[in-house]
Amino acid sequence: MQSGDLQLQPKATPAQNLWRDWRGFVVFIFVMVIFRSAVADWNQVPSGSMLPSILIGDRVVVDKLAYDLRVPLTLTRVARWDNPQRSDIVTFQSPKDGLLLIKRVIGIPGDIVSLQDNRLSINGIAGEYEKLPLEVIHPDLQMPFSHADIFSEKLLGEERQIMLFRNPSKSTVTSFQPITVPQGYYLMLGDNRDNSGDYRAIGLVPRSAIIGRAQTVAFSLNYDDYYLPRGDRFLADLK
């Protein structure tokens, strides 16, 4: 063969052809997995433990860089710049069974927290409670939860809405003795105080198990109305 002749390229194998056709999609999926693992994610909320703040069917955006930087797909921290504060809504792995949960931070390290008949006290300061009128409650909560009331809870400069059943079951824990939250741990409660697997069921949550802070509702589907979207929940802030 003369030097000026074209050399034949070897024929691509099926595996090479497959990679060429799908590599863009594979790279996209890889980047999305890394992003959702270490930067931000959206989580479906299928239960009512955070009513009325988070509705059943909400998809919440979780900021996984709110407190620290983790190695993707692990709980290993490589940098930390903040810690959860009282009233933050956070996602974490349950210390009881490893399930992903979303609850509100009630007690931070050093706090003395107690609950008496669903009334909170932190560091000797009792919360203030006011029953809210029906018109300020989300329409999807007015009929299905006519057996419960929504209250404003004010404590240590924070205000949030909580749900209390009018006649909670006898197995519901509505009180616990004062506990001092140790260093490296947090006390979590659900806003639906009579229907939440929180501190009363799983104990204190170690700092290392906290994944990120929930800040916004990405979108929401009404499971009781043919999965129609709730327009008023689109990009709604969580308080």
Protein backbone atom coordinates (compact mmCIF):
# COMPACT_ATOMS: atom_id res chain seq x y z
CA MET A 1 0.00 0.00 0.00
CA GLN A 2 1.38 3.39 -0.94
CA SER A 3 1.75 6.11 1.70
CA GLY A 4 -0.95 8.19 0.05
CA ASP A 5 -3.62 5.48 0.32
CA LEU A 6 -6.36 5.75 2.95
CA GLN A 7 -6.13 3.26 5.79
CA LEU A 8 -9.31 1.40 6.67
CA GLN A 9 -10.62 2.01 10.17
CA PRO A 10 -11.58 -1.06 12.21
CA LYS A 11 -15.31 -1.64 12.38
CA ALA A 12 -16.92 -0.49 15.64
CA THR A 13 -18.17 -3.22 17.91
CA PRO A 14 -21.83 -3.35 19.04
CA ALA A 15 -20.76 -2.16 22.49
CA GLN A 16 -18.96 0.85 21.00
CA ASN A 17 -21.98 1.72 18.89
CA LEU A 18 -24.23 1.44 21.93
CA TRP A 19 -21.98 3.75 23.96
CA ARG A 20 -21.81 6.27 21.11
CA ASP A 21 -25.60 6.36 20.84
CA TRP A 22 -26.31 6.53 24.57
CA ARG A 23 -23.31 8.26 26.15
CA GLY A 24 -25.02 11.65 26.31
CA PHE A 25 -27.97 10.18 28.19
CA VAL A 26 -25.69 8.20 30.53
CA VAL A 27 -23.64 11.29 31.36
CA PHE A 28 -26.85 13.26 32.01
CA ILE A 29 -28.16 10.58 34.39
CA PHE A 30 -24.80 10.44 36.18
CA VAL A 31 -24.72 14.20 36.66
CA MET A 32 -28.33 14.22 37.91
CA VAL A 33 -27.61 11.46 40.43
CA ILE A 34 -24.60 13.36 41.77
CA PHE A 35 -26.57 16.62 41.87
CA ARG A 36 -29.54 15.11 43.69
CA SER A 37 -27.28 13.27 46.12
CA ALA A 38 -25.04 16.16 47.18
CA VAL A 39 -26.59 19.48 46.08
CA ALA A 40 -30.39 19.52 45.94
CA ASP A 41 -33.25 17.08 45.63
CA TRP A 42 -37.02 16.98 45.62
CA ASN A 43 -38.82 14.57 47.90
CA GLN A 44 -42.38 13.32 47.76
CA VAL A 45 -44.32 13.61 51.02
CA PRO A 46 -46.81 10.72 51.14
CA SER A 47 -47.88 11.05 54.78
CA GLY A 48 -49.55 13.68 56.92
CA SER A 49 -47.00 13.97 59.73
CA MET A 50 -46.10 17.56 58.79
CA LEU A 51 -49.64 18.86 58.27
CA PRO A 52 -50.57 21.68 57.96
CA SER A 53 -47.14 22.96 56.85
CA ILE A 54 -46.62 20.23 54.23
CA LEU A 55 -49.63 18.71 52.52
CA ILE A 56 -49.91 15.09 51.45
CA GLY A 57 -48.76 15.08 47.83
CA ASP A 58 -46.30 17.97 48.12
CA ARG A 59 -42.93 17.57 46.42
CA VAL A 60 -40.51 19.59 48.50
CA VAL A 61 -37.14 20.95 47.41
CA VAL A 62 -34.36 19.97 49.81
CA ASP A 63 -31.20 22.08 49.94
CA LYS A 64 -28.43 19.58 50.67
CA LEU A 65 -25.82 22.32 50.81
CA ALA A 66 -27.63 24.22 53.57
CA TYR A 67 -25.37 22.91 56.31
CA ASP A 68 -22.45 21.06 54.76
CA LEU A 69 -20.89 19.35 51.75
CA ARG A 70 -21.12 15.58 51.51
CA VAL A 71 -19.46 12.97 49.37
CA PRO A 72 -22.15 12.04 46.80
CA LEU A 73 -24.25 8.98 47.65
CA THR A 74 -22.91 8.92 51.23
CA LEU A 75 -23.38 10.72 54.56
CA THR A 76 -19.65 11.50 54.75
CA ARG A 77 -19.07 15.22 55.27
CA VAL A 78 -16.05 16.94 53.74
CA ALA A 79 -16.96 20.48 54.86
CA ARG A 80 -19.41 22.05 57.31
CA TRP A 81 -20.46 25.70 57.44
CA ASP A 82 -23.71 25.74 59.43
CA ASN A 83 -25.94 23.72 61.73
CA PRO A 84 -29.72 23.26 61.82
CA GLN A 85 -31.58 25.94 63.75
CA ARG A 86 -34.81 25.76 65.72
CA SER A 87 -37.85 25.59 63.45
CA ASP A 88 -35.91 24.44 60.38
CA ILE A 89 -37.68 21.70 58.44
CA VAL A 90 -35.07 19.05 57.67
CA THR A 91 -34.73 15.64 56.06
CA PHE A 92 -32.74 12.94 57.82
CA GLN A 93 -32.24 9.23 58.15
CA SER A 94 -34.21 7.81 61.04
CA PRO A 95 -31.93 6.51 63.81
CA LYS A 96 -34.48 3.76 64.35
CA ASP A 97 -34.67 2.13 60.91
CA GLY A 98 -32.76 4.33 58.43
CA LEU A 99 -35.86 5.54 56.60
CA LEU A 100 -35.84 9.04 55.12
CA LEU A 101 -37.98 11.36 57.26
CA ILE A 102 -38.91 15.02 57.19
CA LYS A 103 -39.62 16.82 60.48
CA ARG A 104 -39.13 20.15 62.20
CA VAL A 105 -36.18 20.94 64.46
CA ILE A 106 -37.54 21.75 67.91
CA GLY A 107 -34.51 21.32 70.15
CA ILE A 108 -30.88 22.06 69.35
CA PRO A 109 -27.85 21.00 71.43
CA GLY A 110 -28.09 22.39 74.95
CA ASP A 111 -31.85 23.02 74.87
CA ILE A 112 -34.12 21.70 77.61
CA VAL A 113 -37.34 20.60 75.93
CA SER A 114 -40.58 19.30 77.43
CA LEU A 115 -44.11 18.65 76.22
CA GLN A 116 -47.20 18.81 78.39
CA ASP A 117 -50.57 18.07 76.79
CA ASN A 118 -49.11 19.03 73.40
CA ARG A 119 -47.82 22.35 74.75
CA LEU A 120 -44.10 22.86 74.23
CA SER A 121 -41.64 24.41 76.63
CA ILE A 122 -38.02 25.17 75.70
CA ASN A 123 -35.48 26.36 78.25
CA GLY A 124 -38.26 27.14 80.70
CA ILE A 125 -40.23 29.28 78.24
CA ALA A 126 -43.71 28.04 77.39
CA GLY A 127 -45.15 28.32 73.90
CA GLU A 128 -48.13 30.53 73.10
CA TYR A 129 -51.04 28.92 71.24
CA GLU A 130 -53.90 30.43 69.28
CA LYS A 131 -56.55 28.47 67.40
CA LEU A 132 -56.75 29.66 63.80
CA PRO A 133 -60.07 30.37 62.05
CA LEU A 134 -61.25 28.10 59.26
CA GLU A 135 -60.70 30.68 56.51
CA VAL A 136 -56.92 30.74 56.95
CA ILE A 137 -56.63 26.95 56.66
CA HIS A 138 -55.85 25.41 53.28
CA PRO A 139 -59.10 24.21 51.63
CA ASP A 140 -57.79 20.64 51.35
CA LEU A 141 -57.57 20.49 55.15
CA GLN A 142 -60.96 21.90 56.04
CA MET A 143 -63.11 18.83 55.35
CA PRO A 144 -60.82 15.76 55.62
CA PHE A 145 -59.46 17.00 58.95
CA SER A 146 -62.62 18.35 60.52
CA HIS A 147 -61.66 16.24 63.56
CA ALA A 148 -58.60 18.42 64.17
CA ASP A 149 -57.77 22.07 64.78
CA ILE A 150 -54.93 24.22 63.47
CA PHE A 151 -53.03 26.36 65.97
CA SER A 152 -50.39 29.04 65.74
CA GLU A 153 -47.44 28.07 67.96
CA LYS A 154 -45.16 30.94 69.04
CA LEU A 155 -41.98 30.13 70.92
CA LEU A 156 -38.55 31.78 71.20
CA GLY A 157 -39.22 34.19 68.36
CA GLU A 158 -40.47 31.50 65.96
CA GLU A 159 -44.03 31.03 64.76
CA ARG A 160 -45.46 28.02 62.94
CA GLN A 161 -48.76 26.24 62.43
CA ILE A 162 -49.43 22.89 64.07
CA MET A 163 -52.33 20.43 63.94
CA LEU A 164 -53.89 18.90 67.05
CA PHE A 165 -56.61 16.24 67.11
CA ARG A 166 -59.66 17.07 69.18
CA ASN A 167 -59.80 13.52 70.52
CA PRO A 168 -56.38 11.87 70.13
CA SER A 169 -56.16 8.13 70.61
CA LYS A 170 -55.11 6.82 74.00
CA SER A 171 -51.83 5.57 72.52
CA THR A 172 -50.82 9.07 71.39
CA VAL A 173 -47.95 10.52 73.43
CA THR A 174 -48.92 14.12 74.18
CA SER A 175 -46.42 14.73 76.97
CA PHE A 176 -42.80 13.98 77.81
CA GLN A 177 -40.55 15.02 80.66
CA PRO A 178 -37.85 17.70 80.22
CA ILE A 179 -34.85 16.44 78.30
CA THR A 180 -31.56 18.21 77.72
CA VAL A 181 -30.51 17.77 74.10
CA PRO A 182 -26.86 16.59 74.14
CA GLN A 183 -24.15 17.92 71.85
CA GLY A 184 -24.33 16.46 68.37
CA TYR A 185 -28.05 15.67 68.57
CA TYR A 186 -31.36 17.31 67.67
CA LEU A 187 -34.95 16.85 68.82
CA MET A 188 -37.47 16.62 65.98
CA LEU A 189 -41.26 16.85 66.04
CA GLY A 190 -43.86 16.74 63.29
CA ASP A 191 -46.25 19.67 62.95
CA ASN A 192 -49.10 17.14 63.04
CA ARG A 193 -48.40 16.51 66.71
CA ASP A 194 -50.88 13.67 67.20
CA ASN A 195 -49.86 11.72 64.10
CA SER A 196 -46.08 11.83 63.70
CA GLY A 197 -43.30 9.29 64.21
CA ASP A 198 -40.85 11.81 65.65
CA TYR A 199 -38.76 12.11 68.84
CA ARG A 200 -41.47 10.28 70.76
CA ALA A 201 -40.98 7.22 68.53
CA ILE A 202 -37.40 7.40 67.21
CA GLY A 203 -35.51 9.34 69.88
CA LEU A 204 -32.95 12.07 69.25
CA VAL A 205 -31.43 12.48 65.80
CA PRO A 206 -27.62 12.67 65.45
CA ARG A 207 -26.22 15.58 63.49
CA SER A 208 -24.55 13.13 61.10
CA ALA A 209 -27.95 11.79 59.99
CA ILE A 210 -29.31 15.18 58.86
CA ILE A 211 -29.25 15.49 55.07
CA GLY A 212 -30.62 18.92 54.21
CA ARG A 213 -33.17 21.69 54.77
CA ALA A 214 -36.58 21.73 53.09
CA GLN A 215 -37.38 25.26 51.95
CA THR A 216 -39.89 25.21 49.09
CA VAL A 217 -42.69 23.16 47.58
CA ALA A 218 -41.73 22.39 43.97
CA PHE A 219 -45.26 21.28 43.09
CA SER A 220 -48.12 19.36 44.65
CA LEU A 221 -50.67 16.75 43.59
CA ASN A 222 -54.02 16.28 45.25
CA TYR A 223 -54.33 12.52 45.81
CA ASP A 224 -58.01 12.89 46.69
CA ASP A 225 -58.91 14.70 43.46
CA TYR A 226 -57.59 12.51 40.62
CA TYR A 227 -54.00 13.65 41.28
CA LEU A 228 -54.76 17.11 39.97
CA PRO A 229 -52.03 19.69 40.66
CA ARG A 230 -52.53 22.28 43.38
CA GLY A 231 -51.73 25.57 41.69
CA ASP A 232 -51.43 27.50 44.95
CA ARG A 233 -48.63 25.17 46.16
CA PHE A 234 -46.32 25.79 43.20
CA LEU A 235 -43.04 27.19 44.64
CA ALA A 236 -44.74 27.88 47.98
CA ASP A 237 -42.37 28.68 50.83
CA LEU A 238 -42.24 26.37 53.83
CA LYS A 239 -42.43 28.08 57.21
